[in-house]
Amino acid sequence: MKTLLIIDAGLGQARAYMAKTLLGAAAPKAHLELIDNPNDAELAIVLGTALPADSALNGKNVYLGDINPAVPHPELFLGAAKDHAKP
């Protein structure tokens, strides 16, 4: 499933980099393909406290998640994102 990963800049550069690296490594195991083009995404995972006001997310399944469980348990986090994403 083509997946867009959005990380809130307010979480800090180091944490964002670590989350992107770990989630990127775990994505194939969850049958997800991380992509950069929001128009091609079937799923959008947002790490942060609120969804961005972005019309590119309209019509997509979106999951808003906390970075704290994403870093130590990326496989579990991605599984939860797939299971609980909502349009």
Foldseek 3Di string as FASTA:
>chain_A
DEEEEAEPCVVDDVLVVLLCVQLCVLQVVVVYDYDHDLQPHQEYEYADDDDDPDCSCPPHFYHYDHSVCCRVPVNVVVVVRVVPTDD
